[in-house]
Structures are given as C-alpha cells and as structure tokens.
C-alpha cells in the first residue's frame, strides 16, 4: 500500500474495504462515502422530472456530513435583478471568492450562480414543490454548479454539475424587510429583458438561510425544450416569510409577449419510485415545513473560522 491510499497496481483502495457494487442501499455505506452513493444514485434516478410533492413521513432518514456554507454572509459588491420574461433572476458579484457549498451530499465545491423565483395566479398555487399535498405562495431556487466545470452552462451538461437549493415562502401579516429592496426593484423591470441594480446591504444568508442538516434531498430533471438537465435538489424545511402585497408585486411583471406574467411554475410530477431522503433529521418531524424562523441566520463556516482565528484569550 502506498502513502496515497493506492495499492501496487495504482488502483485506489476502497475506504473500509467497501466496493461500490456492495452498495445495495444508503445504510450499507459508511458516512464519509455517502456523498459518493448519492451521486451514483443520480445515474439511475435523474431522468424522473421535478418538481414533486414532498411528504416527510414517506422519506428515508439518512446521516450525511454537515453541509458547509462559505461566503454567503458576505455582502456583494454589485447585485442586480433581471426580468427574463419567465422569471426574476438575482445575480451578484463579490470582491472576494463567491459563495460556495461543500460536504453534505457533495463530492466537490458547488459555487453560487444565481437565484430566481416562482409564483402563481394567487397565493394558493405559487410554489413548484408541494409539501404534504399543499402548495405555498412562492418558491425560491438558489442555483449552484460544481466549480470543476467553471460555469453553470457547462455544468448543466454534466451528470453532477447542478444543485438547486429550494426555499418555500409562507405568508406574514407584514412585509419582510429583507425583501423590500428587491420587491421595490420590480417596478423598474416591468418589461421582459430589463434589469436594474439593487442598492442593498443584504447578503445571501438573508434569503438563502444556511442549513447544515434537516433538509430534503432527491434527484429530479428539469425539462427545457425537450432537453433534460439533471439536478440534485436540496429543499430547506425553514420557509421565508413574505407579505401578500409583496407576492402580488411579482404578478405585475410582463412576459416576452408583453402579457402579464401571472404564473411560472412547472407541472407537479409523480414520485415514480425515486429515492427521497430526509438528511440529518431534527426532532420536529410532524410536518414537512417548519414555521418561519425568528432568530438570525446561523453562522457560515467562514464566519466560524474568522471567530476562531480572531479569538483572544483574556488576561488572567
């Protein structure tokens, strides 16, 4: 055995003696290799389309390494929103390395690309995913791509290129202050193909709240003009709060045909026997969706590292 973990033939030795062909189900795999199992599972299940109805009582509970978030707490140098004629996309540029994710179900670094929104004709039919048979007022998708592929477009052609984080919205009696700048900007992008810069001090964590565990995970394809893109979906159980009047502002936009953009959700798909995972479950498992959190977002991994590096032992 060489120091790099390979045998004399140069082939890698499986961790803990496990071969991939021994992986009958997730419970057969040691935790440090379960991300490999998840990616391998995509070869079998990615063709089933998204979105789907998610029911916590019908999921397989699994333990993965904690999902690690980096730089999502950093305020961007520039931020803009664009009316594509189909949705609203938020994109940004940072002075330092852009936000990324590692660990959890991933075998590499997944870089933030953009986030966009889905809504419906009213608050009863506004989300793509259903939870326990119920539709929510809106849905946010935070698109990440594997850094090895350099861009979202290139990653979309790879079997492990794309991951989308899903956040559902729940109605609040008053406007969500973290959404005010974005919602106000919608009046400047009424026509399809228009963009506007946002003057905001908001970081991504205010919209894409970090979670290390207690999320749903599955493979599902997106169908774009007959071409399927495989996506690994991570669905947060913690919703984003939004007021009814804030949701209504999205329906004031126009599509490419200059018609009101009242809805932009994909059709709900069947589960088709695919694997649905509840990752690192919490003790709250009666309902799939939790209440809107009131406390500040959890610290990102880089914030924790900074705290440790700057910690000073007090003089005794």
Protein backbone atom coordinates (compact mmCIF):
# COMPACT_ATOMS: atom_id res chain seq x y z
CA UNK A 1 0.00 0.00 0.00
CA UNK A 2 1.42 3.42 -0.95
CA UNK A 3 1.10 6.59 1.11
CA UNK A 4 -1.59 7.99 -1.20
CA UNK A 5 -4.00 5.11 -0.49
CA UNK A 6 -3.35 3.15 -3.68
CA UNK A 7 -2.12 -0.42 -3.98
CA UNK A 8 0.81 -1.63 -6.02
CA UNK A 9 -1.26 -1.61 -9.20
CA UNK A 10 -2.04 2.07 -8.75
CA UNK A 11 -5.75 1.49 -8.09
CA UNK A 12 -7.44 3.23 -5.19
CA UNK A 13 -8.29 1.01 -2.24
CA UNK A 14 -11.96 1.36 -1.16
CA UNK A 15 -12.50 3.01 2.22
CA UNK A 16 -13.20 0.48 4.97
CA UNK A 17 -12.95 -2.28 2.36
CA UNK A 18 -16.23 -1.23 0.72
CA UNK A 19 -16.71 -1.72 -3.01
CA UNK A 20 -19.32 0.34 -4.88
CA UNK A 21 -21.02 -2.83 -6.12
CA UNK A 22 -21.68 -3.71 -2.46
CA UNK A 23 -23.83 -0.60 -2.01
CA UNK A 24 -27.34 -2.02 -2.02
CA UNK A 25 -28.78 0.96 -0.11
CA UNK A 26 -27.61 4.04 1.76
CA UNK A 27 -27.39 2.18 5.08
CA UNK A 28 -24.69 -0.09 3.63
CA UNK A 29 -22.35 2.88 3.08
CA UNK A 30 -20.06 4.42 5.69
CA UNK A 31 -20.92 8.09 6.30
CA UNK A 32 -17.78 9.53 4.66
CA UNK A 33 -18.69 7.82 1.38
CA UNK A 34 -22.41 8.50 1.33
CA UNK A 35 -21.98 11.56 -0.88
CA UNK A 36 -20.48 9.22 -3.49
CA UNK A 37 -23.53 6.99 -3.13
CA UNK A 38 -25.87 9.98 -3.67
CA UNK A 39 -24.05 10.99 -6.87
CA UNK A 40 -24.05 7.39 -8.12
CA UNK A 41 -27.79 7.18 -7.41
CA UNK A 42 -28.29 10.04 -9.85
CA UNK A 43 -27.30 7.75 -12.72
CA UNK A 44 -30.45 5.74 -12.04
CA UNK A 45 -32.94 8.36 -10.92
CA UNK A 46 -32.07 11.68 -12.54
CA UNK A 47 -34.44 11.21 -15.50
CA UNK A 48 -37.51 11.47 -13.25
CA UNK A 49 -38.68 15.05 -13.54
CA UNK A 50 -39.10 17.72 -10.89
CA UNK A 51 -40.94 19.22 -9.04
CA UNK A 52 -42.74 16.74 -6.76
CA UNK A 53 -44.85 16.56 -3.62
CA UNK A 54 -42.66 16.11 -0.53
CA UNK A 55 -44.01 14.24 2.47
CA UNK A 56 -41.72 13.80 5.46
CA UNK A 57 -43.45 10.58 6.52
CA UNK A 58 -42.51 8.90 3.22
CA UNK A 59 -38.79 9.65 3.24
CA UNK A 60 -35.69 7.68 4.12
CA UNK A 61 -33.77 9.22 7.01
CA UNK A 62 -30.02 9.41 6.44
CA UNK A 63 -26.98 10.93 8.10
CA UNK A 64 -24.52 12.89 5.95
CA UNK A 65 -21.62 15.11 6.86
CA UNK A 66 -22.88 18.63 7.69
CA UNK A 67 -23.39 20.90 4.70
CA UNK A 68 -20.78 23.69 4.90
CA UNK A 69 -21.52 27.24 3.70
CA UNK A 70 -18.81 29.71 2.72
CA UNK A 71 -19.15 33.44 1.92
CA UNK A 72 -22.95 33.51 1.80
CA UNK A 73 -22.71 36.09 4.60
CA UNK A 74 -20.57 38.47 2.50
CA UNK A 75 -22.44 41.48 1.08
CA UNK A 76 -21.94 41.55 -2.73
CA UNK A 77 -20.11 44.36 -4.48
CA UNK A 78 -22.87 44.51 -7.11
CA UNK A 79 -26.32 42.99 -7.26
CA UNK A 80 -28.97 43.14 -9.96
CA UNK A 81 -32.33 41.62 -10.80
CA UNK A 82 -33.49 40.76 -14.32
CA UNK A 83 -36.93 40.06 -15.78
CA UNK A 84 -36.20 37.23 -18.21
CA UNK A 85 -39.80 37.11 -19.39
CA UNK A 86 -40.21 33.87 -17.47
CA UNK A 87 -38.87 34.65 -14.01
CA UNK A 88 -36.89 37.17 -11.95
CA UNK A 89 -33.20 36.30 -11.63
CA UNK A 90 -30.95 37.81 -8.98
CA UNK A 91 -27.24 37.78 -9.78
CA UNK A 92 -24.30 39.35 -8.00
CA UNK A 93 -20.54 39.95 -7.96
CA UNK A 94 -18.26 39.81 -4.95
CA UNK A 95 -14.91 41.38 -4.17
CA UNK A 96 -13.70 38.07 -2.77
CA UNK A 97 -14.42 34.47 -3.72
CA UNK A 98 -18.09 33.97 -4.50
CA UNK A 99 -20.28 31.89 -2.13
CA UNK A 100 -19.94 28.12 -2.30
CA UNK A 101 -21.00 24.86 -0.61
CA UNK A 102 -19.05 21.75 0.31
CA UNK A 103 -19.73 18.46 2.12
CA UNK A 104 -23.27 17.25 2.79
CA UNK A 105 -24.30 15.36 -0.40
CA UNK A 106 -21.48 16.88 -2.47
CA UNK A 107 -18.18 15.39 -3.63
CA UNK A 108 -16.72 18.78 -4.55
CA UNK A 109 -17.23 22.53 -4.32
CA UNK A 110 -20.55 23.94 -5.59
CA UNK A 111 -20.48 27.64 -6.44
CA UNK A 112 -23.42 30.04 -6.28
CA UNK A 113 -24.63 31.11 -9.73
CA UNK A 114 -28.00 32.86 -9.33
CA UNK A 115 -31.31 32.70 -7.58
CA UNK A 116 -34.75 33.05 -9.13
CA UNK A 117 -38.41 32.92 -8.16
CA UNK A 118 -41.58 31.01 -8.98
CA UNK A 119 -45.13 32.22 -8.29
CA UNK A 120 -48.72 31.61 -9.35
CA UNK A 121 -52.02 33.35 -10.11
CA UNK A 122 -52.71 33.57 -6.38
CA UNK A 123 -51.08 32.65 -3.08
CA UNK A 124 -52.73 29.20 -3.09
CA UNK A 125 -50.84 28.00 -6.19
CA UNK A 126 -47.48 29.78 -6.05
CA UNK A 127 -44.85 27.09 -5.45
CA UNK A 128 -43.44 24.38 -7.70
CA UNK A 129 -42.90 21.85 -4.93
CA UNK A 130 -45.77 20.76 -2.70
CA UNK A 131 -45.34 19.79 0.92
CA UNK A 132 -47.74 17.27 2.44
CA UNK A 133 -50.03 17.88 -0.54
CA UNK A 134 -50.12 21.66 -0.04
CA UNK A 135 -48.88 24.40 -2.37
CA UNK A 136 -47.18 27.52 -0.96
CA UNK A 137 -47.37 31.23 -2.01
CA UNK A 138 -43.95 31.34 -3.73
CA UNK A 139 -40.71 29.43 -4.18
CA UNK A 140 -37.06 30.50 -4.46
CA UNK A 141 -34.35 28.48 -6.22
CA UNK A 142 -30.67 29.13 -5.45
CA UNK A 143 -28.71 27.57 -8.32
CA UNK A 144 -25.21 26.24 -7.62
CA UNK A 145 -22.83 24.49 -10.02
CA UNK A 146 -19.79 22.30 -9.50
CA UNK A 147 -16.69 24.51 -9.58
CA UNK A 148 -14.78 21.98 -11.73
CA UNK A 149 -16.98 22.94 -14.70
CA UNK A 150 -16.31 26.72 -14.41
CA UNK A 151 -19.84 27.89 -15.40
CA UNK A 152 -23.49 27.00 -14.92
CA UNK A 153 -23.93 26.44 -18.65
CA UNK A 154 -21.05 23.96 -18.86
CA UNK A 155 -22.10 22.27 -15.61
CA UNK A 156 -25.64 21.74 -16.89
CA UNK A 157 -24.26 19.23 -19.40
CA UNK A 158 -22.58 17.13 -16.72
CA UNK A 159 -24.12 14.39 -14.58
CA UNK A 160 -23.06 16.02 -11.29
CA UNK A 161 -22.98 19.64 -12.44
CA UNK A 162 -26.07 21.29 -10.92
CA UNK A 163 -27.58 21.55 -7.47
CA UNK A 164 -30.58 23.72 -6.60
CA UNK A 165 -31.47 24.81 -3.09
CA UNK A 166 -35.22 25.27 -2.63
CA UNK A 167 -36.88 27.68 -0.20
CA UNK A 168 -40.65 27.87 0.15
CA UNK A 169 -42.43 31.06 1.24
CA UNK A 170 -45.04 31.46 3.95
CA UNK A 171 -47.34 34.45 4.31
CA UNK A 172 -46.68 37.02 7.02
CA UNK A 173 -49.09 39.77 8.15
CA UNK A 174 -46.48 42.47 7.42
CA UNK A 175 -43.76 42.88 4.77
CA UNK A 176 -40.46 41.07 5.17
CA UNK A 177 -37.84 43.88 5.48
CA UNK A 178 -35.10 41.79 3.84
CA UNK A 179 -37.21 41.63 0.66
CA UNK A 180 -38.09 45.34 0.46
CA UNK A 181 -35.23 46.43 -1.82
CA UNK A 182 -35.77 43.51 -4.18
CA UNK A 183 -39.55 43.94 -4.36
CA UNK A 184 -39.21 47.70 -4.88
CA UNK A 185 -36.87 46.99 -7.80
CA UNK A 186 -39.60 45.04 -9.62
CA UNK A 187 -41.21 48.31 -10.70
CA UNK A 188 -38.05 49.03 -12.75
CA UNK A 189 -38.07 45.71 -14.64
CA UNK A 190 -41.69 45.50 -15.77
CA UNK A 191 -40.76 44.63 -19.35
CA UNK A 192 -39.11 41.34 -20.29
CA UNK A 193 -35.37 41.64 -20.84
CA UNK A 194 -34.87 44.58 -18.48
CA UNK A 195 -32.54 44.71 -15.46
CA UNK A 196 -31.84 47.03 -12.56
CA UNK A 197 -29.17 47.25 -9.91
CA UNK A 198 -30.14 46.89 -6.28
CA UNK A 199 -28.71 49.29 -3.74
CA UNK A 200 -28.81 46.95 -0.79
CA UNK A 201 -26.64 45.74 2.04
CA UNK A 202 -28.31 42.34 2.09
CA UNK A 203 -26.18 39.19 1.99
CA UNK A 204 -27.42 35.91 0.55
CA UNK A 205 -27.96 34.44 4.02
CA UNK A 206 -30.96 36.75 4.43
CA UNK A 207 -32.73 34.94 1.58
CA UNK A 208 -30.98 31.57 1.49
CA UNK A 209 -30.77 30.68 5.14
CA UNK A 210 -27.93 28.19 5.77
CA UNK A 211 -28.79 24.68 6.92
CA UNK A 212 -26.27 22.00 7.89
CA UNK A 213 -28.92 19.30 8.12
CA UNK A 214 -32.67 18.74 8.45
CA UNK A 215 -33.36 19.14 4.73
CA UNK A 216 -34.88 17.02 1.95
CA UNK A 217 -32.79 15.60 -0.89
CA UNK A 218 -33.63 13.96 -4.21
CA UNK A 219 -32.70 13.75 -7.90
CA UNK A 220 -35.00 15.29 -10.48
CA UNK A 221 -34.65 16.51 -14.05
CA UNK A 222 -35.67 19.87 -15.45
CA UNK A 223 -37.14 19.75 -18.94
CA UNK A 224 -36.05 22.72 -21.08
CA UNK A 225 -37.44 22.49 -24.59
CA UNK A 226 -37.31 18.70 -24.60
CA UNK A 227 -33.76 18.60 -23.22
CA UNK A 228 -33.45 17.27 -19.70
CA UNK A 229 -30.93 18.64 -17.21
CA UNK A 230 -30.17 16.51 -14.17
CA UNK A 231 -30.38 18.36 -10.87
CA UNK A 232 -29.74 17.42 -7.27
CA UNK A 233 -32.43 19.14 -5.20
CA UNK A 234 -31.92 20.26 -1.59
CA UNK A 235 -35.15 21.53 -0.01
CA UNK A 236 -35.00 23.63 3.15
CA UNK A 237 -37.59 22.95 5.84
CA UNK A 238 -37.37 26.56 7.05
CA UNK A 239 -39.53 28.87 4.92
CA UNK A 240 -39.04 32.53 4.04
CA UNK A 241 -41.67 34.95 5.30
CA UNK A 242 -43.40 37.25 2.81
CA UNK A 243 -46.44 39.52 2.86
CA UNK A 244 -49.32 39.09 0.43
CA UNK A 245 -48.67 42.51 -1.11
CA UNK A 246 -45.04 41.55 -1.74
CA UNK A 247 -46.10 38.40 -3.60
CA UNK A 248 -48.57 40.43 -5.68
CA UNK A 249 -45.76 42.68 -6.95
CA UNK A 250 -44.25 39.77 -8.89
CA UNK A 251 -47.50 39.41 -10.83
CA UNK A 252 -47.14 42.99 -12.14
CA UNK A 253 -44.32 41.90 -14.47
CA UNK A 254 -44.73 41.13 -18.18
CA UNK A 255 -43.52 38.15 -20.23
CA UNK A 256 -41.81 38.12 -23.64
CA UNK A 257 -45.22 38.51 -25.35
CA UNK A 258 -45.98 41.58 -23.25
CA UNK A 259 -48.61 39.66 -21.34
CA UNK A 260 -48.90 39.69 -17.53
CA UNK A 261 -46.53 37.13 -16.01
CA UNK A 262 -49.06 35.63 -13.62
CA UNK A 263 -47.54 32.18 -13.15
CA UNK A 264 -44.30 30.37 -13.96
CA UNK A 265 -44.40 27.01 -12.16
CA UNK A 266 -43.57 23.67 -13.72
CA UNK A 267 -46.22 20.96 -13.57
CA UNK A 268 -46.13 18.74 -10.48
CA UNK A 269 -44.61 15.34 -11.30
CA UNK A 270 -45.09 11.84 -9.88
CA UNK A 271 -42.52 10.43 -7.47
CA UNK A 272 -42.03 7.41 -9.79
CA UNK A 273 -40.44 5.31 -7.04
CA UNK A 274 -37.37 7.53 -6.74
CA UNK A 275 -35.41 7.89 -3.50
CA UNK A 276 -36.40 10.77 -1.21
CA UNK A 277 -34.09 11.49 1.72
CA UNK A 278 -34.50 13.43 4.95
CA UNK A 279 -30.94 14.42 5.79
CA UNK A 280 -29.76 14.67 9.42
CA UNK A 281 -33.33 14.98 10.80
CA UNK A 282 -34.20 17.19 13.74
CA UNK A 283 -36.68 16.14 16.41
CA UNK A 284 -39.51 18.07 14.71
CA UNK A 285 -40.97 15.64 12.19
CA UNK A 286 -44.75 16.07 12.44
CA UNK A 287 -44.91 18.37 9.40
CA UNK A 288 -42.67 18.78 6.38
CA UNK A 289 -42.44 22.59 6.63
CA UNK A 290 -41.40 24.38 9.81
CA UNK A 291 -42.55 27.86 10.96
CA UNK A 292 -40.79 30.97 9.67
CA UNK A 293 -37.65 31.31 11.82
CA UNK A 294 -37.41 34.38 14.05
CA UNK A 295 -33.77 34.14 15.07
CA UNK A 296 -30.87 35.43 12.89
CA UNK A 297 -29.37 33.09 10.29
CA UNK A 298 -26.81 30.56 11.56
CA UNK A 299 -23.14 31.44 11.16
CA UNK A 300 -21.48 30.35 7.94
CA UNK A 301 -18.33 28.23 8.02
CA UNK A 302 -16.08 31.18 7.17
CA UNK A 303 -17.63 33.25 9.98
CA UNK A 304 -16.82 30.47 12.44
CA UNK A 305 -13.25 30.25 11.13
CA UNK A 306 -12.83 34.03 11.46
CA UNK A 307 -14.10 33.92 15.05
CA UNK A 308 -11.61 31.19 15.95
CA UNK A 309 -8.70 32.95 14.27
CA UNK A 310 -9.51 36.28 15.96
CA UNK A 311 -10.21 34.80 19.37
CA UNK A 312 -8.04 36.26 22.09
CA UNK A 313 -7.53 34.58 25.42
CA UNK A 314 -8.30 37.15 28.17
CA UNK A 315 -5.53 38.10 30.53
CA UNK A 316 -5.80 36.38 33.88
